[in-house]
């Protein structure tokens, strides 16, 4: 496995992967930025940089997240959430065929190993609230605003 640390507007991004695909993308509060990016991670790094620059809405590099069959099913459904859109945990549970599995769905969402690429930040509370986010709610808010189609200029 190869590892690289890159800078992002939200902190240091850790990327882990190999020839089989990217298995982890996570956000850290601190870390040492890589001066050289391993070949296996270069496409991921480039696409994440394009995302943060507002030039990419979809990722197409090979991913290889490790998890249970149920977690994989939840993560695949997360990938289907369109850029700039949100759904609730309840809606996600319904899409997976079991409204009663809402807690299990939320748990799998929280164990997502591929920050941003598997867009768990697009899942919100039924009432529209920003609930639960391993990277901190301020990062979730930033990501949703970054993806918003109705960006407004700040007056201050």
C-alpha atoms as a PDB file:
ATOM      1  CA  UNK A   1       0.000   0.000   0.000  1.00  0.00           C
ATOM      2  CA  UNK A   2       1.161   3.486  -0.856  1.00  0.00           C
ATOM      3  CA  UNK A   3       0.295   6.566   1.226  1.00  0.00           C
ATOM      4  CA  UNK A   4       0.355  10.263   0.433  1.00  0.00           C
ATOM      5  CA  UNK A   5      -0.647  13.360   2.361  1.00  0.00           C
ATOM      6  CA  UNK A   6      -1.871  16.398   0.451  1.00  0.00           C
ATOM      7  CA  UNK A   7      -3.129  19.792   1.488  1.00  0.00           C
ATOM      8  CA  UNK A   8      -6.791  20.688   1.052  1.00  0.00           C
ATOM      9  CA  UNK A   9      -8.984  23.598   2.124  1.00  0.00           C
ATOM     10  CA  UNK A  10     -10.259  21.397   4.969  1.00  0.00           C
ATOM     11  CA  UNK A  11      -6.978  20.052   6.312  1.00  0.00           C
ATOM     12  CA  UNK A  12      -4.441  17.402   5.413  1.00  0.00           C
ATOM     13  CA  UNK A  13      -5.896  14.645   3.242  1.00  0.00           C
ATOM     14  CA  UNK A  14      -4.475  11.155   3.665  1.00  0.00           C
ATOM     15  CA  UNK A  15      -4.722   8.868   0.618  1.00  0.00           C
ATOM     16  CA  UNK A  16      -3.938   5.149   0.744  1.00  0.00           C
ATOM     17  CA  UNK A  17      -4.047   2.729  -2.163  1.00  0.00           C
ATOM     18  CA  UNK A  18      -2.278   0.413  -4.532  1.00  0.00           C
ATOM     19  CA  UNK A  19      -2.704  -1.054  -8.012  1.00  0.00           C
ATOM     20  CA  UNK A  20      -6.094  -2.472  -6.920  1.00  0.00           C
ATOM     21  CA  UNK A  21      -7.455   1.012  -6.229  1.00  0.00           C
ATOM     22  CA  UNK A  22      -7.782   3.640  -3.535  1.00  0.00           C
ATOM     23  CA  UNK A  23      -8.817   2.104  -0.216  1.00  0.00           C
ATOM     24  CA  UNK A  24      -8.752   5.127   2.087  1.00  0.00           C
ATOM     25  CA  UNK A  25      -9.171   8.887   1.838  1.00  0.00           C
ATOM     26  CA  UNK A  26      -9.419  10.648   5.176  1.00  0.00           C
ATOM     27  CA  UNK A  27      -9.033  14.105   6.637  1.00  0.00           C
ATOM     28  CA  UNK A  28      -6.527  14.923   9.358  1.00  0.00           C
ATOM     29  CA  UNK A  29      -5.959  18.037  11.408  1.00  0.00           C
ATOM     30  CA  UNK A  30      -2.220  17.814  10.867  1.00  0.00           C
ATOM     31  CA  UNK A  31       0.388  15.856   9.000  1.00  0.00           C
ATOM     32  CA  UNK A  32       3.334  16.204   6.664  1.00  0.00           C
ATOM     33  CA  UNK A  33       2.494  17.000   3.046  1.00  0.00           C
ATOM     34  CA  UNK A  34       4.034  14.647   0.494  1.00  0.00           C
ATOM     35  CA  UNK A  35       6.672  16.036  -1.819  1.00  0.00           C
ATOM     36  CA  UNK A  36       6.281  13.101  -4.211  1.00  0.00           C
ATOM     37  CA  UNK A  37       3.062  11.258  -4.988  1.00  0.00           C
ATOM     38  CA  UNK A  38       3.296   7.501  -5.708  1.00  0.00           C
ATOM     39  CA  UNK A  39       2.185   6.590  -9.220  1.00  0.00           C
ATOM     40  CA  UNK A  40      -0.783   4.555  -7.900  1.00  0.00           C
ATOM     41  CA  UNK A  41      -2.183   7.642  -6.136  1.00  0.00           C
ATOM     42  CA  UNK A  42      -1.551  10.353  -8.742  1.00  0.00           C
ATOM     43  CA  UNK A  43      -4.938  10.146 -10.464  1.00  0.00           C
ATOM     44  CA  UNK A  44      -6.739  10.375  -7.130  1.00  0.00           C
ATOM     45  CA  UNK A  45      -4.653  13.374  -6.052  1.00  0.00           C
ATOM     46  CA  UNK A  46      -5.292  15.170  -9.351  1.00  0.00           C
ATOM     47  CA  UNK A  47      -9.040  14.554  -9.203  1.00  0.00           C
ATOM     48  CA  UNK A  48      -9.311  15.690  -5.579  1.00  0.00           C
ATOM     49  CA  UNK A  49      -7.435  18.888  -6.448  1.00  0.00           C
ATOM     50  CA  UNK A  50      -9.831  19.472  -9.363  1.00  0.00           C
ATOM     51  CA  UNK A  51     -12.776  18.901  -7.012  1.00  0.00           C
ATOM     52  CA  UNK A  52     -11.506  21.499  -4.554  1.00  0.00           C
ATOM     53  CA  UNK A  53     -10.906  23.930  -7.427  1.00  0.00           C
ATOM     54  CA  UNK A  54     -14.555  23.498  -8.468  1.00  0.00           C
ATOM     55  CA  UNK A  55     -13.643  21.775 -11.732  1.00  0.00           C
ATOM     56  CA  UNK A  56     -14.759  18.193 -10.950  1.00  0.00           C
ATOM     57  CA  UNK A  57     -18.158  16.809  -9.993  1.00  0.00           C
ATOM     58  CA  UNK A  58     -17.475  13.084 -10.437  1.00  0.00           C
ATOM     59  CA  UNK A  59     -14.546  10.802  -9.619  1.00  0.00           C
ATOM     60  CA  UNK A  60     -13.553   8.008 -11.980  1.00  0.00           C
ATOM     61  CA  UNK A  61     -10.396   6.505 -10.514  1.00  0.00           C
ATOM     62  CA  UNK A  62     -10.439   2.926  -9.253  1.00  0.00           C
ATOM     63  CA  UNK A  63     -11.599   2.512  -5.657  1.00  0.00           C
ATOM     64  CA  UNK A  64     -11.164  -0.461  -3.348  1.00  0.00           C
ATOM     65  CA  UNK A  65     -12.858   0.254  -0.004  1.00  0.00           C
ATOM     66  CA  UNK A  66     -12.752  -2.521   2.580  1.00  0.00           C
ATOM     67  CA  UNK A  67     -15.946  -3.289   4.506  1.00  0.00           C
ATOM     68  CA  UNK A  68     -18.762  -5.729   5.089  1.00  0.00           C
ATOM     69  CA  UNK A  69     -21.222  -6.643   2.368  1.00  0.00           C
ATOM     70  CA  UNK A  70     -23.811  -4.335   3.964  1.00  0.00           C
ATOM     71  CA  UNK A  71     -21.345  -1.444   4.219  1.00  0.00           C
ATOM     72  CA  UNK A  72     -20.375  -1.920   0.560  1.00  0.00           C
ATOM     73  CA  UNK A  73     -24.062  -1.786  -0.394  1.00  0.00           C
ATOM     74  CA  UNK A  74     -24.554   1.478   1.539  1.00  0.00           C
ATOM     75  CA  UNK A  75     -21.402   3.025   0.093  1.00  0.00           C
ATOM     76  CA  UNK A  76     -22.479   2.115  -3.442  1.00  0.00           C
ATOM     77  CA  UNK A  77     -25.799   3.873  -2.848  1.00  0.00           C
ATOM     78  CA  UNK A  78     -23.920   6.948  -1.572  1.00  0.00           C
ATOM     79  CA  UNK A  79     -22.018   7.136  -4.859  1.00  0.00           C
ATOM     80  CA  UNK A  80     -25.391   7.454  -6.614  1.00  0.00           C
ATOM     81  CA  UNK A  81     -26.278  10.701  -4.810  1.00  0.00           C
ATOM     82  CA  UNK A  82     -25.882  13.439  -7.447  1.00  0.00           C
ATOM     83  CA  UNK A  83     -23.335  16.212  -6.979  1.00  0.00           C
ATOM     84  CA  UNK A  84     -24.896  19.158  -5.182  1.00  0.00           C
ATOM     85  CA  UNK A  85     -27.866  17.134  -3.888  1.00  0.00           C
ATOM     86  CA  UNK A  86     -28.648  15.709  -0.459  1.00  0.00           C
ATOM     87  CA  UNK A  87     -30.827  12.913   0.865  1.00  0.00           C
ATOM     88  CA  UNK A  88     -31.847  11.973   4.381  1.00  0.00           C
ATOM     89  CA  UNK A  89     -30.783   8.882   6.285  1.00  0.00           C
ATOM     90  CA  UNK A  90     -34.423   7.762   6.037  1.00  0.00           C
ATOM     91  CA  UNK A  91     -34.432   8.169   2.237  1.00  0.00           C
ATOM     92  CA  UNK A  92     -31.161   6.262   2.033  1.00  0.00           C
ATOM     93  CA  UNK A  93     -32.639   3.437   4.125  1.00  0.00           C
ATOM     94  CA  UNK A  94     -35.668   3.309   1.814  1.00  0.00           C
ATOM     95  CA  UNK A  95     -33.424   3.135  -1.275  1.00  0.00           C
ATOM     96  CA  UNK A  96     -31.670   0.177   0.336  1.00  0.00           C
ATOM     97  CA  UNK A  97     -35.032  -1.531   0.861  1.00  0.00           C
ATOM     98  CA  UNK A  98     -35.403  -1.418   4.645  1.00  0.00           C
ATOM     99  CA  UNK A  99     -36.661   1.699   6.390  1.00  0.00           C
ATOM    100  CA  UNK A 100     -36.044   0.009   9.757  1.00  0.00           C
ATOM    101  CA  UNK A 101     -32.314  -0.237   9.002  1.00  0.00           C
ATOM    102  CA  UNK A 102     -31.807   3.500   9.447  1.00  0.00           C
ATOM    103  CA  UNK A 103     -29.346   3.096  12.355  1.00  0.00           C
ATOM    104  CA  UNK A 104     -27.334   0.440  10.520  1.00  0.00           C
ATOM    105  CA  UNK A 105     -27.281   2.665   7.423  1.00  0.00           C
ATOM    106  CA  UNK A 106     -26.096   5.628   9.508  1.00  0.00           C
ATOM    107  CA  UNK A 107     -23.394   3.448  11.070  1.00  0.00           C
ATOM    108  CA  UNK A 108     -22.163   2.234   7.664  1.00  0.00           C
ATOM    109  CA  UNK A 109     -22.235   5.824   6.442  1.00  0.00           C
ATOM    110  CA  UNK A 110     -20.000   6.805   9.358  1.00  0.00           C
ATOM    111  CA  UNK A 111     -17.504   4.055   8.510  1.00  0.00           C
ATOM    112  CA  UNK A 112     -17.079   5.235   4.923  1.00  0.00           C
ATOM    113  CA  UNK A 113     -13.322   5.012   4.216  1.00  0.00           C
ATOM    114  CA  UNK A 114     -13.373   7.218   1.104  1.00  0.00           C
ATOM    115  CA  UNK A 115     -13.966  10.816   2.191  1.00  0.00           C
ATOM    116  CA  UNK A 116     -15.615  12.980  -0.511  1.00  0.00           C
ATOM    117  CA  UNK A 117     -15.352  10.321  -3.241  1.00  0.00           C
ATOM    118  CA  UNK A 118     -18.066   8.242  -1.552  1.00  0.00           C
ATOM    119  CA  UNK A 119     -20.116  11.310  -0.617  1.00  0.00           C
ATOM    120  CA  UNK A 120     -21.398  10.542   2.869  1.00  0.00           C
ATOM    121  CA  UNK A 121     -21.470  14.307   3.469  1.00  0.00           C
ATOM    122  CA  UNK A 122     -24.560  14.465   1.220  1.00  0.00           C
ATOM    123  CA  UNK A 123     -26.671  12.580   3.789  1.00  0.00           C
ATOM    124  CA  UNK A 124     -28.565  14.822   6.205  1.00  0.00           C
ATOM    125  CA  UNK A 125     -31.239  14.507   8.860  1.00  0.00           C
ATOM    126  CA  UNK A 126     -34.894  14.106   7.849  1.00  0.00           C
ATOM    127  CA  UNK A 127     -35.517  17.637   9.112  1.00  0.00           C
ATOM    128  CA  UNK A 128     -32.718  19.016   6.912  1.00  0.00           C
ATOM    129  CA  UNK A 129     -30.204  19.305   9.738  1.00  0.00           C
ATOM    130  CA  UNK A 130     -26.522  18.563   9.366  1.00  0.00           C
ATOM    131  CA  UNK A 131     -26.223  15.495  11.527  1.00  0.00           C
ATOM    132  CA  UNK A 132     -23.239  13.295  12.186  1.00  0.00           C
ATOM    133  CA  UNK A 133     -20.022  13.666  10.274  1.00  0.00           C
ATOM    134  CA  UNK A 134     -16.741  12.046  11.271  1.00  0.00           C
ATOM    135  CA  UNK A 135     -14.758  14.987   9.896  1.00  0.00           C
ATOM    136  CA  UNK A 136     -16.753  17.510  11.894  1.00  0.00           C
ATOM    137  CA  UNK A 137     -19.978  19.272  11.019  1.00  0.00           C
ATOM    138  CA  UNK A 138     -18.099  22.388   9.892  1.00  0.00           C
ATOM    139  CA  UNK A 139     -16.432  20.317   7.158  1.00  0.00           C
ATOM    140  CA  UNK A 140     -19.779  18.799   6.125  1.00  0.00           C
ATOM    141  CA  UNK A 141     -21.232  22.307   5.854  1.00  0.00           C
ATOM    142  CA  UNK A 142     -18.230  23.472   3.812  1.00  0.00           C
ATOM    143  CA  UNK A 143     -18.527  20.530   1.402  1.00  0.00           C
ATOM    144  CA  UNK A 144     -22.264  21.023   0.872  1.00  0.00           C
ATOM    145  CA  UNK A 145     -21.752  24.748   0.260  1.00  0.00           C
ATOM    146  CA  UNK A 146     -18.853  23.979  -2.102  1.00  0.00           C
ATOM    147  CA  UNK A 147     -21.151  21.708  -4.125  1.00  0.00           C
ATOM    148  CA  UNK A 148     -24.120  24.070  -4.040  1.00  0.00           C
ATOM    149  CA  UNK A 149     -25.265  25.314  -7.437  1.00  0.00           C
ATOM    150  CA  UNK A 150     -26.496  28.567  -5.919  1.00  0.00           C
ATOM    151  CA  UNK A 151     -23.252  29.968  -4.619  1.00  0.00           C
ATOM    152  CA  UNK A 152     -23.629  33.485  -3.329  1.00  0.00           C
ATOM    153  CA  UNK A 153     -20.973  36.073  -2.803  1.00  0.00           C
ATOM    154  CA  UNK A 154     -20.292  36.946   0.774  1.00  0.00           C
ATOM    155  CA  UNK A 155     -20.821  40.571   1.701  1.00  0.00           C
ATOM    156  CA  UNK A 156     -18.003  40.442   4.223  1.00  0.00           C
END
